[in-house]
N, C-alpha and C. Protein backbone atom coordinates (compact mmCIF):
# COMPACT_ATOMS: atom_id res chain seq x y z
N SER A 1 11.39 -115.26 13.20
CA SER A 1 12.18 -116.25 14.06
C SER A 1 11.25 -116.82 15.07
N PRO A 2 11.81 -117.98 15.79
CA PRO A 2 11.02 -118.48 16.84
C PRO A 2 11.15 -117.55 18.18
N LEU A 3 11.77 -116.54 18.37
CA LEU A 3 12.02 -116.00 19.29
C LEU A 3 10.81 -114.72 19.10
N ALA A 4 10.43 -114.36 17.90
CA ALA A 4 9.60 -113.20 17.58
C ALA A 4 7.91 -113.69 17.83
N SER A 5 7.83 -115.07 18.02
CA SER A 5 6.71 -115.53 17.99
C SER A 5 6.50 -116.09 19.23
N MET A 6 7.11 -115.85 20.28
CA MET A 6 7.06 -116.14 21.92
C MET A 6 6.18 -114.90 22.70
N PRO A 7 5.44 -115.37 23.48
CA PRO A 7 4.54 -114.15 24.02
C PRO A 7 5.50 -113.34 24.69
N ASP A 8 5.05 -111.92 24.99
CA ASP A 8 5.85 -111.22 25.78
C ASP A 8 5.08 -111.64 27.02
N THR A 9 6.16 -112.09 28.51
CA THR A 9 5.72 -112.50 29.75
C THR A 9 5.81 -111.11 30.72
N SER A 10 6.64 -110.04 30.42
CA SER A 10 6.85 -108.99 31.02
C SER A 10 5.60 -108.54 31.81
N PRO A 11 5.61 -107.91 32.89
CA PRO A 11 4.38 -107.43 33.51
C PRO A 11 4.07 -106.05 32.95
N LEU A 12 2.70 -105.59 32.86
CA LEU A 12 2.53 -104.67 32.36
C LEU A 12 2.50 -103.67 33.34
N PRO A 13 2.42 -102.11 32.64
CA PRO A 13 2.74 -101.25 33.76
C PRO A 13 1.73 -101.26 35.14
N GLU A 14 0.49 -101.51 34.69
CA GLU A 14 -0.69 -101.68 35.63
C GLU A 14 -0.21 -102.41 36.65
N GLU A 15 0.35 -103.60 36.40
CA GLU A 15 0.66 -104.74 37.01
C GLU A 15 1.68 -104.29 38.23
N LEU A 16 2.81 -103.60 37.44
CA LEU A 16 3.85 -103.10 38.07
C LEU A 16 3.75 -101.93 39.28
N ALA A 17 2.55 -101.44 38.57
CA ALA A 17 2.13 -100.01 39.95
C ALA A 17 1.04 -100.79 41.03
N GLU A 18 -0.03 -101.90 40.78
CA GLU A 18 -0.12 -102.58 41.80
C GLU A 18 0.62 -103.30 42.60
N HIS A 19 1.77 -103.92 42.33
CA HIS A 19 2.67 -104.48 42.71
C HIS A 19 3.32 -103.76 44.21
N HIS A 20 3.55 -102.66 43.27
CA HIS A 20 4.20 -101.45 44.07
C HIS A 20 3.64 -100.97 45.24
N ASP A 21 2.32 -100.76 44.73
CA ASP A 21 1.27 -100.29 45.74
C ASP A 21 1.13 -101.22 47.05
N LEU A 22 0.93 -102.57 46.56
CA LEU A 22 0.85 -103.57 47.66
C LEU A 22 2.21 -103.64 48.58
N GLN A 23 3.27 -103.06 47.97
CA GLN A 23 4.73 -103.14 48.66
C GLN A 23 4.91 -102.13 49.88
N GLU A 24 4.12 -100.95 49.17
CA GLU A 24 3.76 -99.90 50.04
C GLU A 24 3.10 -100.26 51.39
N CYS A 25 1.71 -100.93 50.80
CA CYS A 25 0.84 -101.22 51.94
C CYS A 25 1.40 -101.93 52.82
N LEU A 26 2.10 -102.95 52.63
CA LEU A 26 2.72 -104.36 53.33
C LEU A 26 3.85 -103.65 54.62
N GLN A 27 4.48 -102.41 53.87
CA GLN A 27 5.59 -101.91 54.62
C GLN A 27 4.80 -100.93 55.82
N ARG A 28 3.88 -100.56 55.29
CA ARG A 28 3.16 -99.49 56.41
C ARG A 28 2.37 -100.28 57.24
N ALA A 29 1.84 -101.59 56.91
CA ALA A 29 1.06 -102.72 57.70
C ALA A 29 2.07 -103.08 58.99
N ILE A 30 3.28 -103.54 58.41
CA ILE A 30 4.63 -103.72 59.32
C ILE A 30 5.01 -102.73 60.40
N GLU A 31 5.02 -101.52 59.60
CA GLU A 31 5.31 -100.47 60.62
C GLU A 31 4.23 -100.28 61.81
N ALA A 32 3.05 -100.35 61.47
CA ALA A 32 1.92 -100.38 62.42
C ALA A 32 1.91 -101.68 63.57
N LEU A 33 2.66 -102.62 63.22
CA LEU A 33 2.49 -103.88 64.13
C LEU A 33 3.34 -102.99 65.84
N PRO A 34 2.86 -103.89 66.62
CA PRO A 34 3.62 -103.45 67.73
C PRO A 34 4.89 -103.72 67.42
N PRO A 35 5.95 -103.48 68.32
CA PRO A 35 7.31 -103.47 68.29
C PRO A 35 7.86 -104.75 68.23
N LYS A 36 7.55 -105.47 69.28
CA LYS A 36 8.07 -107.04 69.34
C LYS A 36 7.47 -108.03 68.25
N PHE A 37 6.32 -107.62 67.61
CA PHE A 37 5.95 -108.43 66.41
C PHE A 37 6.69 -107.91 65.41
N ARG A 38 6.83 -106.45 65.16
CA ARG A 38 7.49 -106.06 63.90
C ARG A 38 8.87 -106.72 63.69
N SER A 39 9.51 -106.71 64.54
CA SER A 39 10.87 -107.13 64.69
C SER A 39 10.93 -108.76 64.22
N VAL A 40 10.24 -109.51 64.59
CA VAL A 40 9.88 -110.86 64.41
C VAL A 40 9.62 -111.13 62.87
N VAL A 41 8.59 -110.22 62.38
CA VAL A 41 8.23 -110.45 60.90
C VAL A 41 9.29 -109.54 59.96
N LEU A 42 10.13 -108.89 60.45
CA LEU A 42 10.95 -107.97 59.68
C LEU A 42 12.14 -108.99 59.41
N LEU A 43 12.49 -109.73 60.69
CA LEU A 43 13.92 -110.72 60.42
C LEU A 43 13.26 -112.10 59.60
N ARG A 44 11.82 -112.50 59.78
CA ARG A 44 11.42 -113.63 59.00
C ARG A 44 11.29 -113.09 57.39
N TYR A 45 10.65 -112.20 57.36
CA TYR A 45 10.29 -112.02 55.88
C TYR A 45 11.60 -111.20 55.21
N ALA A 46 12.01 -110.19 55.67
CA ALA A 46 13.13 -109.46 55.11
C ALA A 46 14.90 -110.37 55.05
N GLY A 47 14.76 -110.86 56.37
CA GLY A 47 15.81 -111.53 56.83
C GLY A 47 16.01 -112.91 56.52
N GLN A 48 14.90 -113.65 56.37
CA GLN A 48 14.72 -114.62 55.91
C GLN A 48 15.58 -115.77 56.89
N LEU A 49 15.16 -115.26 58.14
CA LEU A 49 15.68 -116.14 59.31
C LEU A 49 15.01 -117.25 59.70
N SER A 50 15.39 -118.30 60.47
CA SER A 50 14.51 -119.07 61.06
C SER A 50 14.24 -118.60 62.33
N PHE A 51 13.18 -119.38 62.95
CA PHE A 51 12.73 -119.09 64.02
C PHE A 51 13.62 -118.92 65.14
N SER A 52 14.54 -120.28 65.02
CA SER A 52 15.61 -120.44 65.92
C SER A 52 16.57 -119.06 65.99
N GLU A 53 16.83 -118.88 64.62
CA GLU A 53 17.78 -117.40 64.68
C GLU A 53 17.28 -116.10 65.10
N ILE A 54 16.14 -116.20 64.85
CA ILE A 54 15.56 -114.92 65.29
C ILE A 54 15.17 -115.02 67.03
N GLY A 55 15.20 -115.98 67.55
CA GLY A 55 15.14 -115.98 68.92
C GLY A 55 16.39 -115.72 69.23
N GLN A 56 17.85 -115.96 68.74
CA GLN A 56 18.85 -115.74 69.20
C GLN A 56 19.14 -114.26 68.91
N VAL A 57 18.83 -113.74 67.56
CA VAL A 57 19.29 -112.31 67.42
C VAL A 57 18.19 -111.71 68.53
N LEU A 58 16.82 -111.92 68.99
CA LEU A 58 16.06 -110.86 69.97
C LEU A 58 16.41 -111.50 71.14
N ALA A 59 17.19 -112.50 71.58
CA ALA A 59 17.17 -113.01 73.03
C ALA A 59 15.74 -113.51 73.61
N MET A 60 15.56 -114.17 72.99
CA MET A 60 13.86 -114.64 73.16
C MET A 60 13.92 -116.41 73.05
N PRO A 61 12.84 -117.09 73.44
CA PRO A 61 12.87 -118.37 73.12
C PRO A 61 12.33 -118.35 71.58
N GLU A 62 12.98 -119.60 70.99
CA GLU A 62 12.13 -120.10 69.59
C GLU A 62 10.66 -119.72 69.51
N ALA A 63 10.00 -120.51 70.50
CA ALA A 63 8.94 -120.96 70.68
C ALA A 63 7.92 -119.09 70.89
N THR A 64 8.68 -118.28 71.38
CA THR A 64 8.10 -117.24 71.71
C THR A 64 8.05 -116.36 70.11
N ALA A 65 9.61 -116.69 69.53
CA ALA A 65 9.02 -115.93 68.24
C ALA A 65 7.74 -116.45 67.13
N LYS A 66 7.80 -117.73 67.42
CA LYS A 66 6.79 -118.42 66.61
C LYS A 66 5.46 -117.86 66.85
N THR A 67 5.20 -117.57 68.19
CA THR A 67 4.10 -117.22 68.74
C THR A 67 3.67 -115.69 68.20
N TYR A 68 5.04 -114.82 68.46
CA TYR A 68 4.95 -113.41 67.93
C TYR A 68 4.55 -113.26 66.37
N PHE A 69 5.12 -114.53 65.66
CA PHE A 69 4.98 -114.00 64.16
C PHE A 69 3.40 -114.84 64.04
N GLN A 70 2.87 -115.80 64.50
CA GLN A 70 1.86 -116.17 64.57
C GLN A 70 0.54 -114.95 64.60
N ARG A 71 0.80 -114.26 65.75
CA ARG A 71 -0.07 -113.18 66.03
C ARG A 71 0.34 -112.02 65.42
N ALA A 72 1.19 -111.93 64.59
CA ALA A 72 1.21 -110.70 63.56
C ALA A 72 0.28 -110.76 62.17
N LYS A 73 0.45 -112.14 61.81
CA LYS A 73 -0.26 -112.43 60.52
C LYS A 73 -1.54 -112.08 60.22
N PRO A 74 -2.30 -112.44 61.47
CA PRO A 74 -4.05 -111.60 61.30
C PRO A 74 -3.86 -110.36 61.13
N LEU A 75 -2.91 -109.79 62.02
CA LEU A 75 -3.07 -108.32 61.90
C LEU A 75 -2.73 -107.78 60.63
N LEU A 76 -1.69 -108.42 59.88
CA LEU A 76 -1.00 -108.07 58.28
C LEU A 76 -2.35 -108.10 57.51
N ARG A 77 -2.48 -109.40 57.73
CA ARG A 77 -3.96 -109.77 56.89
C ARG A 77 -5.20 -108.98 56.69
N ASN A 78 -5.66 -108.44 58.09
CA ASN A 78 -6.60 -107.38 58.16
C ASN A 78 -6.20 -106.15 57.43
N ALA A 79 -4.83 -105.44 58.02
CA ALA A 79 -4.38 -104.34 57.46
C ALA A 79 -4.63 -104.34 55.83
N LEU A 80 -3.93 -105.82 55.14
CA LEU A 80 -4.12 -105.92 53.84
C LEU A 80 -5.03 -105.83 52.83
N SER A 81 -6.32 -106.45 53.48
CA SER A 81 -7.29 -107.07 52.82
C SER A 81 -7.65 -106.13 52.15
N PRO A 82 -8.28 -104.89 52.26
CA PRO A 82 -8.69 -104.26 51.43
C PRO A 82 -8.22 -103.82 50.17
N GLN A 83 -6.54 -103.74 50.31
CA GLN A 83 -5.85 -103.77 49.17
C GLN A 83 -5.97 -104.82 48.16
N LEU A 84 -5.72 -106.16 48.85
CA LEU A 84 -6.18 -107.51 48.42
C LEU A 84 -7.41 -107.63 47.38
N GLN A 85 -8.03 -106.99 48.00
CA GLN A 85 -9.55 -107.17 47.50
C GLN A 85 -10.10 -105.76 46.29
N GLY A 86 -8.81 -105.07 46.36
CA GLY A 86 -8.84 -103.71 45.32
C GLY A 86 -9.93 -102.99 45.48
N THR A 87 -10.47 -102.92 46.96
CA THR A 87 -11.20 -101.78 47.12
C THR A 87 -10.63 -100.47 47.59
N LEU A 88 -9.51 -100.59 48.05
CA LEU A 88 -8.67 -99.34 48.76
C LEU A 88 -7.30 -99.25 48.41
N THR A 89 -7.00 -98.19 48.53
CA THR A 89 -5.05 -98.21 48.18
C THR A 89 -4.98 -97.69 49.78
N CYS A 90 -3.68 -97.88 50.05
CA CYS A 90 -3.26 -97.74 51.53
C CYS A 90 -3.01 -96.19 51.61
């Protein structure tokens, strides 16, 4: 049947484990952020809010929310770079 000849595109167990490890590292990296950055990052990534909405929720100007997010990104990148390079698990 045509269905039997289609390649299996489901992730391998190793890929699922790596994804889970990366998620754990990301969660730890977010938890390690300063509280003002952490709130913005969580609302942006997990809540998928706009910077305007984040500003309203946290009672801060939209520009401040953007600034906190931009300052948090390199901190997250540095925390995750060993994991992304495959040299270290968190």
